[in-house]
Amino acid sequence: MKYAFKLLVAAFAAATSLSAQAHAGHDHPAHPHPGQSSFGDAATAAAPEGVTVTNCWIRALPNRLPSAAYFTLSNGGDRDVVLVGAQSKAFGKVMLHASKTVTGMAAMVHTDKIEVPASGSFEFAPGGHHVMLEKPTSTLKIGETLPITLWFEQGRAITMDCAIRSAAG
């Protein structure tokens, strides 16, 4: 059982590394990734009305491999909200991604925006949508937390503390 778990973690780490390397090396001007400076000042940005974030966690992988953040985004407001990006000083590159199967192969694809309907929610979970975290500025330590800011249309933002967990979650 332990061997199967270790094999599963190693396979996930290898797949994430290969996918991230392939992602970093391709050019796609149709949807450029926003840089960390593309957004305003999170400290002065208002949060979208009625939006909350719960259960945020970051999957820690060995050897500074790219990581991912998962959470639930809930919209208790009476208007749809649109998530357009994310940022964190703890990572050199932060993007909205989705895991998809393309011609029978698992792949990660950039997502320009995610709409969360009024009175609805959106789940960021392993195997689905996630915040891709590349180029960590330091080693991720299980048990600690790191802040990530989610950016919405109209310059609104929410900063959340995300717990760092092992690759097993």
C-alpha atoms as a PDB file:
ATOM      1  CA  MET A   1       0.000   0.000   0.000  1.00  0.00           C
ATOM      2  CA  LYS A   2       2.804   2.414   0.915  1.00  0.00           C
ATOM      3  CA  TYR A   3       4.589   1.567  -2.353  1.00  0.00           C
ATOM      4  CA  ALA A   4       1.441   2.257  -4.393  1.00  0.00           C
ATOM      5  CA  PHE A   5       0.980   5.630  -2.681  1.00  0.00           C
ATOM      6  CA  LYS A   6       4.611   6.610  -3.266  1.00  0.00           C
ATOM      7  CA  LEU A   7       4.301   5.534  -6.905  1.00  0.00           C
ATOM      8  CA  LEU A   8       1.145   7.641  -7.284  1.00  0.00           C
ATOM      9  CA  VAL A   9       2.839  10.712  -5.771  1.00  0.00           C
ATOM     10  CA  ALA A  10       5.906  10.252  -7.989  1.00  0.00           C
ATOM     11  CA  ALA A  11       3.726   9.887 -11.090  1.00  0.00           C
ATOM     12  CA  PHE A  12       1.792  13.040 -10.207  1.00  0.00           C
ATOM     13  CA  ALA A  13       4.998  14.991  -9.626  1.00  0.00           C
ATOM     14  CA  ALA A  14       6.455  13.834 -12.936  1.00  0.00           C
ATOM     15  CA  ALA A  15       3.272  14.641 -14.857  1.00  0.00           C
ATOM     16  CA  THR A  16       2.994  18.063 -13.247  1.00  0.00           C
ATOM     17  CA  SER A  17       6.629  18.810 -13.998  1.00  0.00           C
ATOM     18  CA  LEU A  18       6.379  17.740 -17.643  1.00  0.00           C
ATOM     19  CA  SER A  19       3.138  19.604 -18.165  1.00  0.00           C
ATOM     20  CA  ALA A  20       4.490  22.750 -16.544  1.00  0.00           C
ATOM     21  CA  GLN A  21       7.683  22.582 -18.589  1.00  0.00           C
ATOM     22  CA  ALA A  22       5.673  22.159 -21.785  1.00  0.00           C
ATOM     23  CA  HIS A  23       3.388  24.996 -20.729  1.00  0.00           C
ATOM     24  CA  ALA A  24       6.252  27.361 -19.971  1.00  0.00           C
ATOM     25  CA  GLY A  25       7.873  26.725 -23.326  1.00  0.00           C
ATOM     26  CA  HIS A  26       4.959  27.436 -25.614  1.00  0.00           C
ATOM     27  CA  ASP A  27       3.816  30.729 -27.042  1.00  0.00           C
ATOM     28  CA  HIS A  28       0.182  31.669 -27.240  1.00  0.00           C
ATOM     29  CA  PRO A  29      -0.412  35.357 -27.911  1.00  0.00           C
ATOM     30  CA  ALA A  30      -4.179  34.846 -28.099  1.00  0.00           C
ATOM     31  CA  HIS A  31      -4.280  34.750 -24.284  1.00  0.00           C
ATOM     32  CA  PRO A  32      -1.112  36.061 -22.649  1.00  0.00           C
ATOM     33  CA  HIS A  33      -0.681  35.334 -18.973  1.00  0.00           C
ATOM     34  CA  PRO A  34      -0.988  38.422 -16.834  1.00  0.00           C
ATOM     35  CA  GLY A  35       2.175  39.264 -14.937  1.00  0.00           C
ATOM     36  CA  GLN A  36       2.268  40.022 -11.267  1.00  0.00           C
ATOM     37  CA  SER A  37       2.285  43.747 -12.060  1.00  0.00           C
ATOM     38  CA  SER A  38      -0.828  43.532 -14.247  1.00  0.00           C
ATOM     39  CA  PHE A  39      -3.083  43.946 -11.255  1.00  0.00           C
ATOM     40  CA  GLY A  40      -3.596  46.858  -8.898  1.00  0.00           C
ATOM     41  CA  ASP A  41      -2.769  47.075  -5.219  1.00  0.00           C
ATOM     42  CA  ALA A  42      -4.566  44.281  -3.374  1.00  0.00           C
ATOM     43  CA  ALA A  43      -4.366  46.224  -0.104  1.00  0.00           C
ATOM     44  CA  THR A  44      -6.610  48.966  -1.498  1.00  0.00           C
ATOM     45  CA  ALA A  45      -8.874  46.840  -3.729  1.00  0.00           C
ATOM     46  CA  ALA A  46     -12.423  46.191  -2.556  1.00  0.00           C
ATOM     47  CA  ALA A  47     -13.692  42.624  -2.449  1.00  0.00           C
ATOM     48  CA  PRO A  48     -16.555  41.684  -4.764  1.00  0.00           C
ATOM     49  CA  GLU A  49     -19.795  41.907  -2.819  1.00  0.00           C
ATOM     50  CA  GLY A  50     -20.900  38.589  -1.284  1.00  0.00           C
ATOM     51  CA  VAL A  51     -17.861  36.584  -2.458  1.00  0.00           C
ATOM     52  CA  THR A  52     -16.021  34.298  -0.042  1.00  0.00           C
ATOM     53  CA  VAL A  53     -13.186  31.791  -0.347  1.00  0.00           C
ATOM     54  CA  THR A  54     -12.971  28.676   1.824  1.00  0.00           C
ATOM     55  CA  ASN A  55     -10.654  25.718   2.304  1.00  0.00           C
ATOM     56  CA  CYS A  56      -7.665  27.059   0.365  1.00  0.00           C
ATOM     57  CA  TRP A  57      -4.669  24.760   0.227  1.00  0.00           C
ATOM     58  CA  ILE A  58      -1.503  24.468  -1.829  1.00  0.00           C
ATOM     59  CA  ARG A  59      -0.108  21.120  -2.950  1.00  0.00           C
ATOM     60  CA  ALA A  60       3.598  21.049  -2.024  1.00  0.00           C
ATOM     61  CA  LEU A  61       5.776  19.126  -4.451  1.00  0.00           C
ATOM     62  CA  PRO A  62       9.474  18.310  -4.024  1.00  0.00           C
ATOM     63  CA  ASN A  63      12.398  20.067  -5.706  1.00  0.00           C
ATOM     64  CA  ARG A  64      10.581  23.352  -6.320  1.00  0.00           C
ATOM     65  CA  LEU A  65       8.290  21.752  -8.886  1.00  0.00           C
ATOM     66  CA  PRO A  66       5.247  23.820  -9.879  1.00  0.00           C
ATOM     67  CA  SER A  67       2.423  23.646  -7.353  1.00  0.00           C
ATOM     68  CA  ALA A  68      -1.295  24.279  -7.443  1.00  0.00           C
ATOM     69  CA  ALA A  69      -3.821  25.957  -5.145  1.00  0.00           C
ATOM     70  CA  TYR A  70      -7.314  24.607  -4.574  1.00  0.00           C
ATOM     71  CA  PHE A  71     -10.320  26.190  -2.831  1.00  0.00           C
ATOM     72  CA  THR A  72     -14.035  26.881  -3.059  1.00  0.00           C
ATOM     73  CA  LEU A  73     -15.181  30.249  -4.370  1.00  0.00           C
ATOM     74  CA  SER A  74     -18.732  31.139  -3.260  1.00  0.00           C
ATOM     75  CA  ASN A  75     -20.847  34.014  -4.540  1.00  0.00           C
ATOM     76  CA  GLY A  76     -23.605  34.949  -2.112  1.00  0.00           C
ATOM     77  CA  GLY A  77     -24.275  38.172  -4.005  1.00  0.00           C
ATOM     78  CA  ASP A  78     -27.084  38.955  -6.436  1.00  0.00           C
ATOM     79  CA  ARG A  79     -24.757  39.467  -9.432  1.00  0.00           C
ATOM     80  CA  ASP A  80     -22.440  37.091 -11.273  1.00  0.00           C
ATOM     81  CA  VAL A  81     -18.730  37.679 -10.622  1.00  0.00           C
ATOM     82  CA  VAL A  82     -15.829  36.963 -12.949  1.00  0.00           C
ATOM     83  CA  LEU A  83     -12.423  35.836 -11.680  1.00  0.00           C
ATOM     84  CA  VAL A  84      -9.747  37.111 -14.090  1.00  0.00           C
ATOM     85  CA  GLY A  85      -6.459  36.216 -12.409  1.00  0.00           C
ATOM     86  CA  ALA A  86      -4.400  35.567  -9.312  1.00  0.00           C
ATOM     87  CA  GLN A  87      -1.088  36.660  -7.841  1.00  0.00           C
ATOM     88  CA  SER A  88       1.256  35.838  -4.983  1.00  0.00           C
ATOM     89  CA  LYS A  89       4.599  37.267  -3.947  1.00  0.00           C
ATOM     90  CA  ALA A  90       5.604  33.706  -3.019  1.00  0.00           C
ATOM     91  CA  PHE A  91       5.664  32.658  -6.696  1.00  0.00           C
ATOM     92  CA  GLY A  92       7.174  34.157  -9.838  1.00  0.00           C
ATOM     93  CA  LYS A  93       4.296  33.014 -12.043  1.00  0.00           C
ATOM     94  CA  VAL A  94       0.647  32.537 -11.043  1.00  0.00           C
ATOM     95  CA  MET A  95      -2.095  31.540 -13.510  1.00  0.00           C
ATOM     96  CA  LEU A  96      -5.639  30.232 -13.685  1.00  0.00           C
ATOM     97  CA  HIS A  97      -5.586  26.717 -15.161  1.00  0.00           C
ATOM     98  CA  ALA A  98      -7.832  23.773 -15.843  1.00  0.00           C
ATOM     99  CA  SER A  99      -6.902  20.119 -16.241  1.00  0.00           C
ATOM    100  CA  LYS A 100      -8.449  18.621 -19.361  1.00  0.00           C
ATOM    101  CA  THR A 101      -8.079  15.561 -21.541  1.00  0.00           C
ATOM    102  CA  VAL A 102      -6.945  16.462 -25.055  1.00  0.00           C
ATOM    103  CA  THR A 103      -6.768  13.623 -27.616  1.00  0.00           C
ATOM    104  CA  GLY A 104      -6.561  11.101 -24.812  1.00  0.00           C
ATOM    105  CA  MET A 105      -3.759  12.901 -22.965  1.00  0.00           C
ATOM    106  CA  ALA A 106      -4.047  14.808 -19.701  1.00  0.00           C
ATOM    107  CA  ALA A 107      -3.111  18.469 -20.156  1.00  0.00           C
ATOM    108  CA  MET A 108      -3.247  21.747 -18.292  1.00  0.00           C
ATOM    109  CA  VAL A 109      -4.688  24.708 -20.163  1.00  0.00           C
ATOM    110  CA  HIS A 110      -4.715  28.406 -19.320  1.00  0.00           C
ATOM    111  CA  THR A 111      -8.106  29.867 -18.419  1.00  0.00           C
ATOM    112  CA  ASP A 112      -8.681  33.585 -19.028  1.00  0.00           C
ATOM    113  CA  LYS A 113     -11.643  33.876 -16.674  1.00  0.00           C
ATOM    114  CA  ILE A 114     -14.019  31.925 -14.493  1.00  0.00           C
ATOM    115  CA  GLU A 115     -17.603  33.032 -14.019  1.00  0.00           C
ATOM    116  CA  VAL A 116     -19.267  32.373 -10.676  1.00  0.00           C
ATOM    117  CA  PRO A 117     -23.044  32.840 -10.838  1.00  0.00           C
ATOM    118  CA  ALA A 118     -25.015  34.803  -8.269  1.00  0.00           C
ATOM    119  CA  SER A 119     -25.900  32.535  -5.331  1.00  0.00           C
ATOM    120  CA  GLY A 120     -23.533  29.903  -6.741  1.00  0.00           C
ATOM    121  CA  SER A 121     -20.087  28.494  -6.156  1.00  0.00           C
ATOM    122  CA  PHE A 122     -17.113  27.191  -8.098  1.00  0.00           C
ATOM    123  CA  GLU A 123     -14.792  24.427  -6.924  1.00  0.00           C
ATOM    124  CA  PHE A 124     -11.044  24.508  -7.601  1.00  0.00           C
ATOM    125  CA  ALA A 125      -9.987  20.883  -7.053  1.00  0.00           C
ATOM    126  CA  PRO A 126      -7.326  18.367  -8.085  1.00  0.00           C
ATOM    127  CA  GLY A 127      -8.059  17.113 -11.580  1.00  0.00           C
ATOM    128  CA  GLY A 128     -10.032  20.248 -12.453  1.00  0.00           C
ATOM    129  CA  HIS A 129      -9.572  23.997 -12.191  1.00  0.00           C
ATOM    130  CA  HIS A 130      -6.682  25.269 -10.071  1.00  0.00           C
ATOM    131  CA  VAL A 131      -4.377  28.210  -9.574  1.00  0.00           C
ATOM    132  CA  MET A 132      -1.046  27.173 -11.104  1.00  0.00           C
ATOM    133  CA  LEU A 133       1.917  28.297  -8.983  1.00  0.00           C
ATOM    134  CA  GLU A 134       5.319  28.327 -10.672  1.00  0.00           C
ATOM    135  CA  LYS A 135       8.785  29.564  -9.696  1.00  0.00           C
ATOM    136  CA  PRO A 136       8.443  29.563  -5.885  1.00  0.00           C
ATOM    137  CA  THR A 137      10.573  32.197  -4.187  1.00  0.00           C
ATOM    138  CA  SER A 138      11.362  29.784  -1.321  1.00  0.00           C
ATOM    139  CA  THR A 139      10.861  26.159  -0.364  1.00  0.00           C
ATOM    140  CA  LEU A 140       7.243  25.332   0.511  1.00  0.00           C
ATOM    141  CA  LYS A 141       6.963  24.067   4.083  1.00  0.00           C
ATOM    142  CA  ILE A 142       4.085  21.773   4.967  1.00  0.00           C
ATOM    143  CA  GLY A 143       1.976  23.244   7.764  1.00  0.00           C
ATOM    144  CA  GLU A 144       2.706  26.885   6.895  1.00  0.00           C
ATOM    145  CA  THR A 145       0.396  29.232   4.981  1.00  0.00           C
ATOM    146  CA  LEU A 146       0.951  31.556   2.037  1.00  0.00           C
ATOM    147  CA  PRO A 147      -1.276  34.384   0.787  1.00  0.00           C
ATOM    148  CA  ILE A 148      -2.757  34.342  -2.718  1.00  0.00           C
ATOM    149  CA  THR A 149      -4.812  37.215  -4.112  1.00  0.00           C
ATOM    150  CA  LEU A 150      -7.693  36.490  -6.466  1.00  0.00           C
ATOM    151  CA  TRP A 151      -8.515  39.294  -8.922  1.00  0.00           C
ATOM    152  CA  PHE A 152     -11.982  39.880 -10.309  1.00  0.00           C
ATOM    153  CA  GLU A 153     -13.363  42.171 -12.984  1.00  0.00           C
ATOM    154  CA  GLN A 154     -13.591  45.868 -12.051  1.00  0.00           C
ATOM    155  CA  GLY A 155     -10.327  45.701 -10.073  1.00  0.00           C
ATOM    156  CA  ARG A 156     -11.833  43.869  -7.105  1.00  0.00           C
ATOM    157  CA  ALA A 157      -9.733  41.415  -5.089  1.00  0.00           C
ATOM    158  CA  ILE A 158      -9.734  38.931  -2.238  1.00  0.00           C
ATOM    159  CA  THR A 159      -6.536  37.797  -0.508  1.00  0.00           C
ATOM    160  CA  MET A 160      -6.694  34.382   1.125  1.00  0.00           C
ATOM    161  CA  ASP A 161      -4.274  32.417   3.276  1.00  0.00           C
ATOM    162  CA  CYS A 162      -3.644  28.953   1.869  1.00  0.00           C
ATOM    163  CA  ALA A 163      -2.379  26.049   3.950  1.00  0.00           C
ATOM    164  CA  ILE A 164       0.556  24.152   2.477  1.00  0.00           C
ATOM    165  CA  ARG A 165      -0.123  20.422   2.424  1.00  0.00           C
ATOM    166  CA  SER A 166       1.728  17.340   1.246  1.00  0.00           C
ATOM    167  CA  ALA A 167       1.318  16.102  -2.323  1.00  0.00           C
ATOM    168  CA  ALA A 168      -1.266  13.628  -1.015  1.00  0.00           C
ATOM    169  CA  GLY A 169      -3.440  16.560   0.072  1.00  0.00           C
END
